[in-house]
Amino acid sequence: MATKNKTNKSVKKRIKVTGGGKLKYAKVGRRHLNAHMTTKRKRQLRRAGVIEGRPSVLKKYKLALGIS
C-alpha cells in the first residue's frame, strides 16, 4: 500500500515558498564574528536568498517540503 511522503521538518524550518513558487531562505554568516565585516557585507547578508532558475535544486527542496 502506497503512503504519502513525509515533509522534511528541517527543510520546512529553513525555507519558505513564495507566491510565485520560488524558495526563500536566510543567508548564512550573520550569527557571530561580525566585527571584522564591512557594513556593506552585513547589509547584504540581511536580505533573503532566493532559489530560482535552478530546476534540479528547486525540485529537491520542493520534494522535501512535500510540494509537487
PDB file of N, CA and C in Angstrom:
ATOM      1  N   MET A   1       0.836  -1.184   0.000  1.00  0.00           N
ATOM      2  CA  MET A   1       0.000   0.000   0.000  1.00  0.00           C
ATOM      3  C   MET A   1       0.882   1.249   0.000  1.00  0.00           C
ATOM      4  N   ALA A   2       0.624   2.141  -0.925  1.00  0.00           N
ATOM      5  CA  ALA A   2       1.437   3.360  -1.042  1.00  0.00           C
ATOM      6  C   ALA A   2       1.063   4.361   0.047  1.00  0.00           C
ATOM      7  N   THR A   3       2.066   5.063   0.543  1.00  0.00           N
ATOM      8  CA  THR A   3       1.831   6.093   1.546  1.00  0.00           C
ATOM      9  C   THR A   3       2.335   7.433   1.031  1.00  0.00           C
ATOM     10  N   LYS A   4       1.896   8.495   1.665  1.00  0.00           N
ATOM     11  CA  LYS A   4       2.347   9.832   1.283  1.00  0.00           C
ATOM     12  C   LYS A   4       3.767  10.053   1.781  1.00  0.00           C
ATOM     13  N   ASN A   5       4.491  10.948   1.099  1.00  0.00           N
ATOM     14  CA  ASN A   5       5.819  11.313   1.564  1.00  0.00           C
ATOM     15  C   ASN A   5       5.695  12.250   2.757  1.00  0.00           C
ATOM     16  N   LYS A   6       6.587  12.081   3.732  1.00  0.00           N
ATOM     17  CA  LYS A   6       6.590  12.962   4.886  1.00  0.00           C
ATOM     18  C   LYS A   6       7.404  14.208   4.570  1.00  0.00           C
ATOM     19  N   THR A   7       6.967  15.331   5.136  1.00  0.00           N
ATOM     20  CA  THR A   7       7.695  16.580   4.978  1.00  0.00           C
ATOM     21  C   THR A   7       8.975  16.513   5.789  1.00  0.00           C
ATOM     22  N   ASN A   8      10.075  16.980   5.202  1.00  0.00           N
ATOM     23  CA  ASN A   8      11.336  17.076   5.921  1.00  0.00           C
ATOM     24  C   ASN A   8      11.264  18.327   6.792  1.00  0.00           C
ATOM     25  N   LYS A   9      11.146  18.153   8.109  1.00  0.00           N
ATOM     26  CA  LYS A   9      10.903  19.262   9.026  1.00  0.00           C
ATOM     27  C   LYS A   9      12.072  20.230   9.092  1.00  0.00           C
ATOM     28  N   SER A  10      13.297  19.734   8.931  1.00  0.00           N
ATOM     29  CA  SER A  10      14.445  20.642   8.986  1.00  0.00           C
ATOM     30  C   SER A  10      14.437  21.583   7.788  1.00  0.00           C
ATOM     31  N   VAL A  11      14.008  21.104   6.628  1.00  0.00           N
ATOM     32  CA  VAL A  11      13.907  21.960   5.442  1.00  0.00           C
ATOM     33  C   VAL A  11      12.746  22.939   5.604  1.00  0.00           C
ATOM     34  N   LYS A  12      11.662  22.485   6.185  1.00  0.00           N
ATOM     35  CA  LYS A  12      10.491  23.340   6.368  1.00  0.00           C
ATOM     36  C   LYS A  12      10.810  24.535   7.264  1.00  0.00           C
ATOM     37  N   LYS A  13      11.683  24.340   8.262  1.00  0.00           N
ATOM     38  CA  LYS A  13      12.051  25.427   9.168  1.00  0.00           C
ATOM     39  C   LYS A  13      12.978  26.432   8.499  1.00  0.00           C
ATOM     40  N   ARG A  14      13.712  26.030   7.487  1.00  0.00           N
ATOM     41  CA  ARG A  14      14.725  26.884   6.872  1.00  0.00           C
ATOM     42  C   ARG A  14      14.265  27.588   5.605  1.00  0.00           C
ATOM     43  N   ILE A  15      13.269  27.044   4.915  1.00  0.00           N
ATOM     44  CA  ILE A  15      12.896  27.546   3.598  1.00  0.00           C
ATOM     45  C   ILE A  15      11.410  27.856   3.545  1.00  0.00           C
ATOM     46  N   LYS A  16      11.076  29.012   2.955  1.00  0.00           N
ATOM     47  CA  LYS A  16       9.681  29.397   2.749  1.00  0.00           C
ATOM     48  C   LYS A  16       9.419  29.451   1.245  1.00  0.00           C
ATOM     49  N   VAL A  17       8.196  29.128   0.845  1.00  0.00           N
ATOM     50  CA  VAL A  17       7.821  29.165  -0.565  1.00  0.00           C
ATOM     51  C   VAL A  17       7.092  30.474  -0.833  1.00  0.00           C
ATOM     52  N   THR A  18       7.517  31.196  -1.868  1.00  0.00           N
ATOM     53  CA  THR A  18       6.861  32.453  -2.228  1.00  0.00           C
ATOM     54  C   THR A  18       5.612  32.155  -3.049  1.00  0.00           C
ATOM     55  N   GLY A  19       4.841  33.188  -3.320  1.00  0.00           N
ATOM     56  CA  GLY A  19       3.624  33.026  -4.108  1.00  0.00           C
ATOM     57  C   GLY A  19       3.892  32.558  -5.522  1.00  0.00           C
ATOM     58  N   GLY A  20       5.049  32.939  -6.057  1.00  0.00           N
ATOM     59  CA  GLY A  20       5.398  32.559  -7.422  1.00  0.00           C
ATOM     60  C   GLY A  20       6.085  31.214  -7.526  1.00  0.00           C
ATOM     61  N   GLY A  21       6.259  30.525  -6.394  1.00  0.00           N
ATOM     62  CA  GLY A  21       6.866  29.203  -6.414  1.00  0.00           C
ATOM     63  C   GLY A  21       8.365  29.199  -6.193  1.00  0.00           C
ATOM     64  N   LYS A  22       8.960  30.384  -5.953  1.00  0.00           N
ATOM     65  CA  LYS A  22      10.388  30.435  -5.647  1.00  0.00           C
ATOM     66  C   LYS A  22      10.594  30.067  -4.177  1.00  0.00           C
ATOM     67  N   LEU A  23      11.818  29.758  -3.813  1.00  0.00           N
ATOM     68  CA  LEU A  23      12.134  29.395  -2.439  1.00  0.00           C
ATOM     69  C   LEU A  23      13.000  30.474  -1.804  1.00  0.00           C
ATOM     70  N   LYS A  24      12.618  30.932  -0.606  1.00  0.00           N
ATOM     71  CA  LYS A  24      13.366  31.949   0.127  1.00  0.00           C
ATOM     72  C   LYS A  24      14.040  31.305   1.321  1.00  0.00           C
ATOM     73  N   TYR A  25      15.242  31.792   1.646  1.00  0.00           N
ATOM     74  CA  TYR A  25      15.955  31.282   2.808  1.00  0.00           C
ATOM     75  C   TYR A  25      16.793  32.403   3.402  1.00  0.00           C
ATOM     76  N   ALA A  26      17.163  32.266   4.662  1.00  0.00           N
ATOM     77  CA  ALA A  26      18.026  33.244   5.318  1.00  0.00           C
ATOM     78  C   ALA A  26      19.471  32.907   4.996  1.00  0.00           C
ATOM     79  N   LYS A  27      20.254  33.929   4.680  1.00  0.00           N
ATOM     80  CA  LYS A  27      21.651  33.707   4.336  1.00  0.00           C
ATOM     81  C   LYS A  27      22.468  33.368   5.578  1.00  0.00           C
ATOM     82  N   VAL A  28      23.548  32.639   5.376  1.00  0.00           N
ATOM     83  CA  VAL A  28      24.405  32.217   6.486  1.00  0.00           C
ATOM     84  C   VAL A  28      25.477  33.271   6.748  1.00  0.00           C
ATOM     85  N   GLY A  29      26.082  33.205   7.932  1.00  0.00           N
ATOM     86  CA  GLY A  29      27.214  34.055   8.242  1.00  0.00           C
ATOM     87  C   GLY A  29      26.876  35.306   9.016  1.00  0.00           C
ATOM     88  N   ARG A  30      25.711  35.329   9.693  1.00  0.00           N
ATOM     89  CA  ARG A  30      25.314  36.523  10.436  1.00  0.00           C
ATOM     90  C   ARG A  30      25.208  36.285  11.940  1.00  0.00           C
ATOM     91  N   ARG A  31      25.616  35.140  12.410  1.00  0.00           N
ATOM     92  CA  ARG A  31      25.404  34.803  13.820  1.00  0.00           C
ATOM     93  C   ARG A  31      26.444  35.425  14.748  1.00  0.00           C
ATOM     94  N   HIS A  32      27.695  35.320  14.378  1.00  0.00           N
ATOM     95  CA  HIS A  32      28.755  35.837  15.246  1.00  0.00           C
ATOM     96  C   HIS A  32      29.977  36.145  14.388  1.00  0.00           C
ATOM     97  N   LEU A  33      31.011  36.713  15.001  1.00  0.00           N
ATOM     98  CA  LEU A  33      32.239  37.110  14.306  1.00  0.00           C
ATOM     99  C   LEU A  33      31.949  38.121  13.197  1.00  0.00           C
ATOM    100  N   ASN A  34      31.094  39.101  13.506  1.00  0.00           N
ATOM    101  CA  ASN A  34      30.717  40.100  12.511  1.00  0.00           C
ATOM    102  C   ASN A  34      31.525  41.390  12.613  1.00  0.00           C
ATOM    103  N   ALA A  35      32.340  41.514  13.657  1.00  0.00           N
ATOM    104  CA  ALA A  35      33.033  42.785  13.881  1.00  0.00           C
ATOM    105  C   ALA A  35      33.985  43.123  12.737  1.00  0.00           C
ATOM    106  N   HIS A  36      34.588  42.140  12.127  1.00  0.00           N
ATOM    107  CA  HIS A  36      35.547  42.407  11.058  1.00  0.00           C
ATOM    108  C   HIS A  36      34.887  42.646   9.704  1.00  0.00           C
ATOM    109  N   MET A  37      33.585  42.358   9.589  1.00  0.00           N
ATOM    110  CA  MET A  37      32.896  42.508   8.307  1.00  0.00           C
ATOM    111  C   MET A  37      32.590  43.976   8.028  1.00  0.00           C
ATOM    112  N   THR A  38      32.588  44.308   6.755  1.00  0.00           N
ATOM    113  CA  THR A  38      32.197  45.663   6.379  1.00  0.00           C
ATOM    114  C   THR A  38      30.689  45.817   6.549  1.00  0.00           C
ATOM    115  N   THR A  39      30.266  47.060   6.674  1.00  0.00           N
ATOM    116  CA  THR A  39      28.831  47.338   6.808  1.00  0.00           C
ATOM    117  C   THR A  39      28.080  46.845   5.581  1.00  0.00           C
ATOM    118  N   LYS A  40      28.692  46.998   4.423  1.00  0.00           N
ATOM    119  CA  LYS A  40      28.060  46.555   3.177  1.00  0.00           C
ATOM    120  C   LYS A  40      27.811  45.058   3.203  1.00  0.00           C
ATOM    121  N   ARG A  41      28.793  44.302   3.674  1.00  0.00           N
ATOM    122  CA  ARG A  41      28.657  42.840   3.720  1.00  0.00           C
ATOM    123  C   ARG A  41      27.540  42.425   4.667  1.00  0.00           C
ATOM    124  N   LYS A  42      27.480  43.036   5.835  1.00  0.00           N
ATOM    125  CA  LYS A  42      26.431  42.701   6.809  1.00  0.00           C
ATOM    126  C   LYS A  42      25.055  43.068   6.270  1.00  0.00           C
ATOM    127  N   ARG A  43      24.971  44.181   5.562  1.00  0.00           N
ATOM    128  CA  ARG A  43      23.700  44.603   4.979  1.00  0.00           C
ATOM    129  C   ARG A  43      23.244  43.628   3.896  1.00  0.00           C
ATOM    130  N   GLN A  44      24.180  43.156   3.085  1.00  0.00           N
ATOM    131  CA  GLN A  44      23.838  42.195   2.035  1.00  0.00           C
ATOM    132  C   GLN A  44      23.394  40.855   2.621  1.00  0.00           C
ATOM    133  N   LEU A  45      23.938  40.479   3.773  1.00  0.00           N
ATOM    134  CA  LEU A  45      23.557  39.224   4.403  1.00  0.00           C
ATOM    135  C   LEU A  45      22.170  39.287   5.039  1.00  0.00           C
ATOM    136  N   ARG A  46      21.671  40.507   5.287  1.00  0.00           N
ATOM    137  CA  ARG A  46      20.334  40.644   5.866  1.00  0.00           C
ATOM    138  C   ARG A  46      19.253  40.248   4.877  1.00  0.00           C
ATOM    139  N   ARG A  47      19.493  40.487   3.599  1.00  0.00           N
ATOM    140  CA  ARG A  47      18.480  40.177   2.591  1.00  0.00           C
ATOM    141  C   ARG A  47      18.313  38.671   2.450  1.00  0.00           C
ATOM    142  N   ALA A  48      17.116  38.265   2.145  1.00  0.00           N
ATOM    143  CA  ALA A  48      16.831  36.841   1.968  1.00  0.00           C
ATOM    144  C   ALA A  48      17.426  36.347   0.660  1.00  0.00           C
ATOM    145  N   GLY A  49      17.910  35.120   0.681  1.00  0.00           N
ATOM    146  CA  GLY A  49      18.363  34.488  -0.544  1.00  0.00           C
ATOM    147  C   GLY A  49      17.177  33.845  -1.237  1.00  0.00           C
ATOM    148  N   VAL A  50      17.227  33.779  -2.552  1.00  0.00           N
ATOM    149  CA  VAL A  50      16.133  33.200  -3.335  1.00  0.00           C
ATOM    150  C   VAL A  50      16.707  32.135  -4.255  1.00  0.00           C
ATOM    151  N   ILE A  51      16.061  30.975  -4.254  1.00  0.00           N
ATOM    152  CA  ILE A  51      16.453  29.902  -5.165  1.00  0.00           C
ATOM    153  C   ILE A  51      15.491  29.948  -6.350  1.00  0.00           C
ATOM    154  N   GLU A  52      16.029  30.311  -7.518  1.00  0.00           N
ATOM    155  CA  GLU A  52      15.221  30.330  -8.734  1.00  0.00           C
ATOM    156  C   GLU A  52      16.149  30.067  -9.911  1.00  0.00           C
ATOM    157  N   GLY A  53      15.606  29.542 -10.972  1.00  0.00           N
ATOM    158  CA  GLY A  53      16.410  29.300 -12.158  1.00  0.00           C
ATOM    159  C   GLY A  53      17.333  28.097 -12.055  1.00  0.00           C
ATOM    160  N   ARG A  54      17.151  27.300 -11.030  1.00  0.00           N
ATOM    161  CA  ARG A  54      17.950  26.081 -10.868  1.00  0.00           C
ATOM    162  C   ARG A  54      16.982  24.920 -10.655  1.00  0.00           C
ATOM    163  N   PRO A  55      16.463  24.347 -11.729  1.00  0.00           N
ATOM    164  CA  PRO A  55      15.382  23.356 -11.628  1.00  0.00           C
ATOM    165  C   PRO A  55      15.708  22.151 -10.758  1.00  0.00           C
ATOM    166  N   SER A  56      16.947  21.667 -10.805  1.00  0.00           N
ATOM    167  CA  SER A  56      17.272  20.473 -10.024  1.00  0.00           C
ATOM    168  C   SER A  56      17.244  20.768  -8.529  1.00  0.00           C
ATOM    169  N   VAL A  57      17.714  21.951  -8.135  1.00  0.00           N
ATOM    170  CA  VAL A  57      17.719  22.328  -6.720  1.00  0.00           C
ATOM    171  C   VAL A  57      16.296  22.589  -6.244  1.00  0.00           C
ATOM    172  N   LEU A  58      15.506  23.301  -7.060  1.00  0.00           N
ATOM    173  CA  LEU A  58      14.107  23.557  -6.711  1.00  0.00           C
ATOM    174  C   LEU A  58      13.347  22.255  -6.523  1.00  0.00           C
ATOM    175  N   LYS A  59      13.577  21.316  -7.421  1.00  0.00           N
ATOM    176  CA  LYS A  59      12.877  20.030  -7.345  1.00  0.00           C
ATOM    177  C   LYS A  59      13.233  19.297  -6.058  1.00  0.00           C
ATOM    178  N   LYS A  60      14.519  19.321  -5.694  1.00  0.00           N
ATOM    179  CA  LYS A  60      14.979  18.615  -4.496  1.00  0.00           C
ATOM    180  C   LYS A  60      14.310  19.175  -3.240  1.00  0.00           C
ATOM    181  N   TYR A  61      14.279  20.515  -3.112  1.00  0.00           N
ATOM    182  CA  TYR A  61      13.706  21.118  -1.917  1.00  0.00           C
ATOM    183  C   TYR A  61      12.190  21.023  -1.905  1.00  0.00           C
ATOM    184  N   LYS A  62      11.548  21.152  -3.052  1.00  0.00           N
ATOM    185  CA  LYS A  62      10.098  21.036  -3.086  1.00  0.00           C
ATOM    186  C   LYS A  62       9.655  19.619  -2.749  1.00  0.00           C
ATOM    187  N   LEU A  63      10.439  18.636  -3.168  1.00  0.00           N
ATOM    188  CA  LEU A  63      10.139  17.253  -2.809  1.00  0.00           C
ATOM    189  C   LEU A  63      10.256  17.058  -1.299  1.00  0.00           C
ATOM    190  N   ALA A  64      11.286  17.658  -0.697  1.00  0.00           N
ATOM    191  CA  ALA A  64      11.480  17.557   0.745  1.00  0.00           C
ATOM    192  C   ALA A  64      10.369  18.268   1.506  1.00  0.00           C
ATOM    193  N   LEU A  65       9.822  19.349   0.918  1.00  0.00           N
ATOM    194  CA  LEU A  65       8.738  20.088   1.559  1.00  0.00           C
ATOM    195  C   LEU A  65       7.367  19.452   1.324  1.00  0.00           C
ATOM    196  N   GLY A  66       7.303  18.484   0.437  1.00  0.00           N
ATOM    197  CA  GLY A  66       6.039  17.840   0.137  1.00  0.00           C
ATOM    198  C   GLY A  66       5.210  18.594  -0.876  1.00  0.00           C
ATOM    199  N   ILE A  67       5.873  19.466  -1.658  1.00  0.00           N
ATOM    200  CA  ILE A  67       5.203  20.226  -2.720  1.00  0.00           C
ATOM    201  C   ILE A  67       5.573  19.586  -4.043  1.00  0.00           C
ATOM    202  N   SER A  68       4.602  19.412  -4.918  1.00  0.00           N
ATOM    203  CA  SER A  68       4.921  18.741  -6.189  1.00  0.00           C
ATOM    204  C   SER A  68       5.573  19.662  -7.163  1.00  0.00           C
TER     205      SER A  68
END
